[in-house]
Protein backbone atom coordinates (compact mmCIF):
# COMPACT_ATOMS: atom_id res chain seq x y z
CA MET A 1 -1.79 16.83 -64.82
CA THR A 2 -4.76 17.79 -63.47
CA ALA A 3 -6.12 14.34 -63.23
CA LEU A 4 -2.62 13.44 -62.01
CA SER A 5 -2.77 15.95 -59.03
CA THR A 6 -6.21 14.72 -58.49
CA LEU A 7 -4.84 11.18 -58.27
CA ASP A 8 -1.97 12.34 -56.33
CA ARG A 9 -4.16 13.81 -53.47
CA PRO A 10 -4.31 11.63 -50.34
CA ALA A 11 -8.02 9.97 -49.65
CA GLY A 12 -10.22 11.98 -47.76
CA GLU A 13 -8.19 15.47 -48.17
CA ASP A 14 -11.34 16.78 -50.06
CA SER A 15 -13.39 16.25 -47.13
CA ILE A 16 -11.06 18.57 -44.62
CA PRO A 17 -11.25 22.24 -45.70
CA ALA A 18 -7.55 23.16 -46.00
CA ARG A 19 -8.06 26.16 -43.34
CA GLY A 20 -10.78 24.20 -41.06
CA PRO A 21 -11.03 23.72 -37.75
CA VAL A 22 -9.87 20.29 -37.26
CA ARG A 23 -6.67 20.81 -39.76
CA ARG A 24 -5.95 24.33 -37.47
CA LEU A 25 -6.66 22.39 -34.11
CA SER A 26 -3.88 19.32 -35.75
CA SER A 27 -1.11 22.25 -36.40
CA TRP A 28 -1.69 24.05 -33.45
CA LEU A 29 -1.04 20.42 -31.16
CA HIS A 30 1.41 19.65 -33.33
CA ARG A 31 3.66 22.54 -32.39
CA HIS A 32 2.67 22.50 -28.30
CA ARG A 33 3.98 19.20 -27.24
CA GLY A 34 2.79 20.49 -23.38
CA ALA A 35 -0.93 20.97 -24.61
CA ARG A 36 -0.93 17.82 -26.82
CA LEU A 37 0.33 16.06 -23.48
CA ALA A 38 -1.79 17.56 -21.16
CA GLY A 39 -4.85 17.10 -23.56
CA LEU A 40 -3.79 13.06 -23.25
CA LEU A 41 -3.77 13.12 -19.27
CA SER A 42 -6.96 15.03 -18.78
CA ALA A 43 -9.27 12.08 -18.34
CA PRO A 44 -6.60 10.09 -15.24
CA LEU A 45 -6.01 13.57 -13.71
CA LEU A 46 -9.71 14.40 -13.67
CA TRP A 47 -10.59 11.22 -12.52
CA LEU A 48 -7.66 11.20 -9.84
CA LEU A 49 -9.26 14.70 -8.65
CA VAL A 50 -12.72 13.63 -8.55
CA ALA A 51 -12.47 10.04 -7.12
CA TYR A 52 -9.17 10.13 -5.09
CA LEU A 53 -8.43 13.93 -3.75
CA GLY A 54 -11.80 14.92 -4.17
CA SER A 55 -13.11 11.87 -1.53
CA LEU A 56 -10.26 13.21 0.65
CA ALA A 57 -11.23 16.36 0.71
CA VAL A 58 -15.16 15.18 2.01
CA LEU A 59 -13.22 12.97 4.31
CA PHE A 60 -11.41 16.18 6.05
CA VAL A 61 -14.43 18.54 5.63
CA SER A 62 -16.48 16.09 7.10
CA ALA A 63 -14.53 15.45 10.31
CA LEU A 64 -15.16 19.50 10.95
CA TRP A 65 -19.02 18.42 11.64
CA THR A 66 -20.66 17.07 14.14
CA VAL A 67 -23.70 15.15 15.44
CA ASN A 68 -26.48 16.16 17.59
CA SER A 69 -26.53 14.44 20.55
CA PHE A 70 -30.35 15.08 21.49
CA THR A 71 -31.25 14.16 18.06
CA GLY A 72 -28.48 12.61 16.37
CA ASP A 73 -28.60 14.94 13.21
CA LEU A 74 -25.21 16.07 11.66
CA VAL A 75 -24.31 19.56 12.22
CA ARG A 76 -22.31 21.32 9.01
CA GLU A 77 -20.67 23.54 11.34
CA PRO A 78 -16.78 23.69 10.90
CA THR A 79 -15.22 22.77 14.59
CA PHE A 80 -12.22 21.10 16.23
CA ALA A 81 -14.13 19.04 18.61
CA ASN A 82 -13.62 15.63 17.23
CA PHE A 83 -9.83 16.39 16.94
CA ARG A 84 -9.80 17.56 20.57
CA THR A 85 -11.44 14.75 21.61
CA ILE A 86 -8.89 12.41 19.67
CA LEU A 87 -6.12 14.50 21.45
CA THR A 88 -7.22 14.73 24.67
CA GLU A 89 -8.49 11.27 25.71
CA ALA A 90 -6.02 8.66 26.69
CA VAL A 91 -7.75 5.78 25.04
CA TYR A 92 -7.59 7.11 21.31
CA ARG A 93 -3.72 7.83 22.13
CA THR A 94 -3.51 4.04 23.32
CA VAL A 95 -5.27 2.68 20.25
CA THR A 96 -3.12 5.01 17.63
CA LEU A 97 -0.14 3.90 19.79
CA ARG A 98 -1.41 -0.12 19.63
CA SER A 99 -1.69 0.63 15.89
CA LEU A 100 1.81 2.04 15.02
CA GLY A 101 3.10 -0.89 16.97
CA VAL A 102 0.97 -3.59 15.16
CA ALA A 103 2.21 -2.04 11.83
CA ALA A 104 5.99 -1.39 12.90
CA ALA A 105 5.69 -5.28 14.00
CA VAL A 106 4.82 -6.82 11.07
CA THR A 107 6.99 -4.79 8.93
CA VAL A 108 10.20 -5.76 10.83
CA ILE A 109 8.47 -9.38 10.63
CA ASP A 110 8.07 -9.12 6.57
CA VAL A 111 11.75 -7.93 6.28
CA LEU A 112 13.63 -10.18 8.43
CA ILE A 113 11.69 -12.76 6.38
CA ALA A 114 11.44 -11.38 2.81
CA LEU A 115 15.74 -10.79 2.72
CA PRO A 116 16.45 -14.13 2.92
CA MET A 117 14.13 -15.40 0.54
CA ALA A 118 14.37 -12.61 -2.12
CA PHE A 119 17.81 -13.00 -1.78
CA PHE A 120 17.63 -17.09 -2.62
CA MET A 121 15.40 -16.12 -5.63
CA ALA A 122 17.45 -13.62 -7.34
CA LYS A 123 21.06 -14.74 -6.71
CA VAL A 124 20.91 -18.47 -5.90
CA ALA A 125 17.97 -20.30 -7.67
CA SER A 126 17.74 -21.61 -11.04
CA PRO A 127 16.19 -19.15 -13.93
CA ARG A 128 13.45 -21.93 -14.07
CA SER A 129 13.29 -22.37 -10.11
CA ARG A 130 13.26 -18.55 -9.65
CA ARG A 131 10.14 -18.20 -12.25
CA LEU A 132 8.07 -21.02 -10.09
CA LEU A 133 8.92 -19.28 -6.97
CA VAL A 134 7.89 -15.73 -8.26
CA ILE A 135 4.63 -17.70 -8.94
CA ALA A 136 4.49 -19.45 -5.69
CA ILE A 137 4.54 -16.09 -3.75
CA LEU A 138 1.93 -14.37 -6.54
CA THR A 139 -0.27 -17.30 -6.27
CA PRO A 140 -1.64 -16.50 -2.17
CA LEU A 141 -2.64 -13.00 -3.84
CA TRP A 142 -5.35 -14.45 -6.12
CA ALA A 143 -6.99 -16.14 -3.15
CA SER A 144 -9.62 -13.68 -0.95
CA TYR A 145 -9.15 -11.87 1.32
CA LEU A 146 -11.53 -12.77 3.75
CA VAL A 147 -10.71 -16.69 3.04
CA LYS A 148 -7.24 -16.49 3.78
CA ALA A 149 -8.09 -14.88 7.19
CA TYR A 150 -10.96 -17.10 8.30
CA ALA A 151 -8.40 -19.99 7.46
CA TRP A 152 -6.42 -18.24 10.01
CA ARG A 153 -9.01 -17.85 12.28
CA VAL A 154 -10.10 -22.11 12.16
CA MET A 155 -5.91 -22.93 12.55
CA LEU A 156 -5.58 -20.40 15.76
CA ALA A 157 -8.81 -21.42 17.51
CA ASN A 158 -8.80 -23.30 20.90
CA GLY A 159 -7.84 -26.70 19.85
CA GLY A 160 -6.61 -25.98 16.50
CA PRO A 161 -3.43 -26.78 14.37
CA VAL A 162 -1.34 -23.87 15.92
CA ASP A 163 -2.48 -24.78 19.42
CA TRP A 164 -1.12 -28.85 18.73
CA LEU A 165 2.26 -27.28 17.55
CA PHE A 166 2.68 -25.92 20.48
CA GLY A 167 1.91 -28.87 22.72
CA GLY A 168 -1.68 -29.28 22.60
CA ALA A 169 -5.12 -27.28 23.23
CA GLY A 170 -4.64 -23.84 24.86
CA ASN A 171 -1.01 -23.32 24.28
CA GLY A 172 -1.12 -21.28 21.32
CA PRO A 173 -1.18 -17.71 21.02
CA GLY A 174 -5.34 -18.07 20.49
CA TYR A 175 -6.99 -14.75 18.97
CA GLY A 176 -5.70 -11.51 19.89
CA LEU A 177 -2.93 -9.05 19.63
CA VAL A 178 -0.14 -11.83 18.90
CA ALA A 179 -2.68 -13.68 16.26
CA THR A 180 -3.49 -10.20 14.70
CA VAL A 181 0.12 -9.16 14.12
CA LEU A 182 0.70 -13.26 12.62
CA VAL A 183 -2.14 -13.38 9.85
CA LEU A 184 -1.28 -9.43 8.60
CA SER A 185 2.21 -10.68 8.36
CA TYR A 186 1.21 -13.31 5.89
CA LEU A 187 -1.16 -11.22 3.95
CA TRP A 188 1.30 -8.72 3.39
CA LEU A 189 4.56 -10.98 3.63
CA PRO A 190 4.39 -10.99 -0.72
CA TYR A 191 4.31 -7.31 -1.04
CA MET A 192 7.55 -7.14 0.65
CA ILE A 193 8.93 -9.71 -1.01
CA LEU A 194 8.56 -8.65 -4.70
CA PRO A 195 10.16 -4.97 -4.24
CA ILE A 196 13.16 -6.67 -2.14
CA TYR A 197 13.43 -9.48 -5.15
CA ALA A 198 13.58 -6.58 -7.79
CA GLY A 199 16.02 -4.42 -6.22
CA LEU A 200 18.19 -8.10 -5.60
CA GLU A 201 18.26 -9.09 -9.50
CA ARG A 202 19.51 -5.84 -10.50
CA LEU A 203 22.46 -5.79 -8.16
CA PRO A 204 25.11 -6.92 -10.14
CA ASP A 205 26.92 -10.07 -9.53
CA SER A 206 30.29 -8.59 -10.21
CA LEU A 207 29.77 -6.76 -6.97
CA LEU A 208 29.43 -9.82 -4.79
CA GLU A 209 32.33 -11.32 -6.64
CA ALA A 210 34.79 -8.30 -5.50
CA SER A 211 33.76 -8.46 -2.25
CA ALA A 212 34.68 -12.29 -2.21
CA ASP A 213 38.07 -11.37 -3.96
CA LEU A 214 38.64 -8.78 -1.28
CA GLY A 215 38.18 -11.34 1.46
CA ALA A 216 35.23 -10.27 2.89
CA ARG A 217 33.00 -13.40 4.44
CA GLY A 218 29.34 -13.91 3.31
CA GLY A 219 28.06 -11.96 6.66
CA ARG A 220 30.27 -8.83 5.91
CA THR A 221 29.05 -8.88 2.36
CA VAL A 222 25.50 -8.93 3.12
CA ARG A 223 26.02 -6.21 5.56
CA SER A 224 28.66 -3.93 3.54
CA VAL A 225 27.24 -4.52 -0.29
CA VAL A 226 23.86 -6.27 -0.26
CA LEU A 227 21.96 -4.47 2.58
CA PRO A 228 23.12 -0.66 1.64
CA MET A 229 21.95 -1.17 -2.07
CA ILE A 230 18.40 -2.40 -1.66
CA VAL A 231 17.55 0.04 1.32
CA PRO A 232 15.43 1.81 -1.05
CA SER A 233 13.73 -1.56 -2.09
CA VAL A 234 13.33 -2.05 2.09
CA ILE A 235 11.82 1.15 2.08
CA ALA A 236 9.37 0.54 -0.99
CA GLY A 237 7.95 -2.88 0.56
CA SER A 238 7.83 -1.26 4.11
CA ILE A 239 5.45 1.36 2.44
CA PHE A 240 2.82 -1.13 1.51
CA THR A 241 2.86 -3.19 4.59
CA PHE A 242 3.33 -0.32 6.98
CA SER A 243 0.11 1.58 5.42
CA LEU A 244 -2.17 -1.51 5.02
CA SER A 245 -1.66 -3.00 7.99
CA LEU A 246 -2.33 0.44 9.29
CA GLY A 247 -5.81 0.60 8.12
CA ASP A 248 -6.75 -2.88 8.59
CA TYR A 249 -9.78 -3.37 10.72
CA ILE A 250 -11.17 -6.78 8.83
CA THR A 251 -8.19 -8.98 10.35
CA VAL A 252 -8.59 -7.43 13.64
CA GLN A 253 -12.27 -8.51 13.85
CA ILE A 254 -11.59 -11.93 12.74
CA VAL A 255 -8.55 -12.85 14.55
CA GLY A 256 -8.35 -9.84 17.13
CA GLY A 257 -10.45 -11.15 19.78
CA LYS A 258 -10.86 -7.55 22.17
CA THR A 259 -7.77 -5.75 20.36
CA GLN A 260 -8.93 -2.40 19.08
CA LEU A 261 -7.39 -0.73 16.41
CA ILE A 262 -8.01 2.49 14.73
CA GLY A 263 -9.58 0.36 11.81
CA ASN A 264 -11.90 -0.88 14.49
CA LEU A 265 -13.01 2.18 15.75
CA VAL A 266 -13.66 4.18 12.52
CA TYR A 267 -16.13 0.92 11.54
CA ALA A 268 -17.96 1.21 15.35
CA ASN A 269 -18.33 4.89 14.81
CA ILE A 270 -19.63 4.28 11.17
CA GLY A 271 -22.00 1.48 12.41
CA ALA A 272 -23.30 1.60 15.78
CA ALA A 273 -22.43 4.90 16.96
CA ASN A 274 -23.64 6.65 13.62
CA ASN A 275 -21.27 9.05 14.57
CA LEU A 276 -19.56 9.96 10.74
CA PRO A 277 -17.56 13.16 11.61
CA PHE A 278 -16.34 11.29 14.13
CA SER A 279 -14.69 8.49 12.09
CA ALA A 280 -13.91 11.15 9.23
CA ALA A 281 -11.29 12.43 12.21
CA LEU A 282 -9.80 8.79 13.38
CA ALA A 283 -9.57 7.94 10.12
CA THR A 284 -7.28 11.11 9.08
CA ILE A 285 -4.88 9.87 12.09
CA PRO A 286 -3.59 7.08 9.44
CA VAL A 287 -3.72 9.34 6.33
CA LEU A 288 -1.62 11.85 8.36
CA ILE A 289 0.92 9.18 9.43
CA MET A 290 1.60 7.98 6.30
CA VAL A 291 1.73 11.20 4.17
CA GLY A 292 4.89 11.85 7.02
CA TYR A 293 6.44 8.36 6.37
CA LEU A 294 6.42 9.20 2.66
CA VAL A 295 7.38 12.84 3.09
CA ALA A 296 10.41 11.45 5.12
CA VAL A 297 11.33 8.68 2.79
CA ARG A 298 11.21 10.42 -0.17
CA ARG A 299 14.61 11.42 -0.37
CA SER A 300 15.79 7.80 -0.24
CA GLY A 301 14.80 6.72 -3.53
CA ALA A 302 12.35 4.31 -2.24
CA LEU A 303 9.34 5.91 -4.40
CA GLU A 304 11.13 5.00 -7.27
CA GLU A 305 11.44 1.35 -6.81
CA LEU A 306 6.85 1.06 -6.47
């Protein structure tokens, strides 16, 4: 009997004491599901706190510092001088409003383009064509950001393809604010198409059929059935397009000409001006705008679409 009991015991049991620390810890974790979940999430949460929230904290703290105008050294004494300058100087208010206008224009353009494309993909195209269209939309994301931006610089150059499309050299938009909106709309369009496509794919075809059975035309069905159902998806896509356009500075440097946005001012104060505290204060503007936007759309269910 003793031999059989010894053979029936699980392998490795002799190496773990009956009431050793490992066995006690295992039993305690088995009884406390919350502690077990906290242990699993501790590493990613620590990374989030240190890398993301920690960097934001450093950003806000450094925005309260100043630079000695004579020596160029950092003065680590808390002051709101940088924020007072941003609020009182008209040029910074103008740049902020221009940046908001560019981000809003890019979002509206992407919505107008993405809606018909996503609807065709979700409700009209065959399953095979649908997969090919999704791949076609994702393909530009595999290319380098700089490659795409410089490709647009070539197309928008004086005498380039866009000029000839409008009738000759010098007839196109050239470099400037319009070119910035155009290129940003192209760059972030997939981030608008995919959430809308996902929302339309979940829309039951029976709703569209019921609308048609009740005598509604196509336009009325889109206004009364489709659009109300995909508003969270549109808002989810706008979070990407709006935030990415609001903080972008590379596209403005490449095709913006003399256009100045918030990102350019942040970059200029980090580089040539060597005024890190003031650039940190400028960088808080898009952060606060996006926090306000996320709080405003939180009840729409858009965050669940991300």
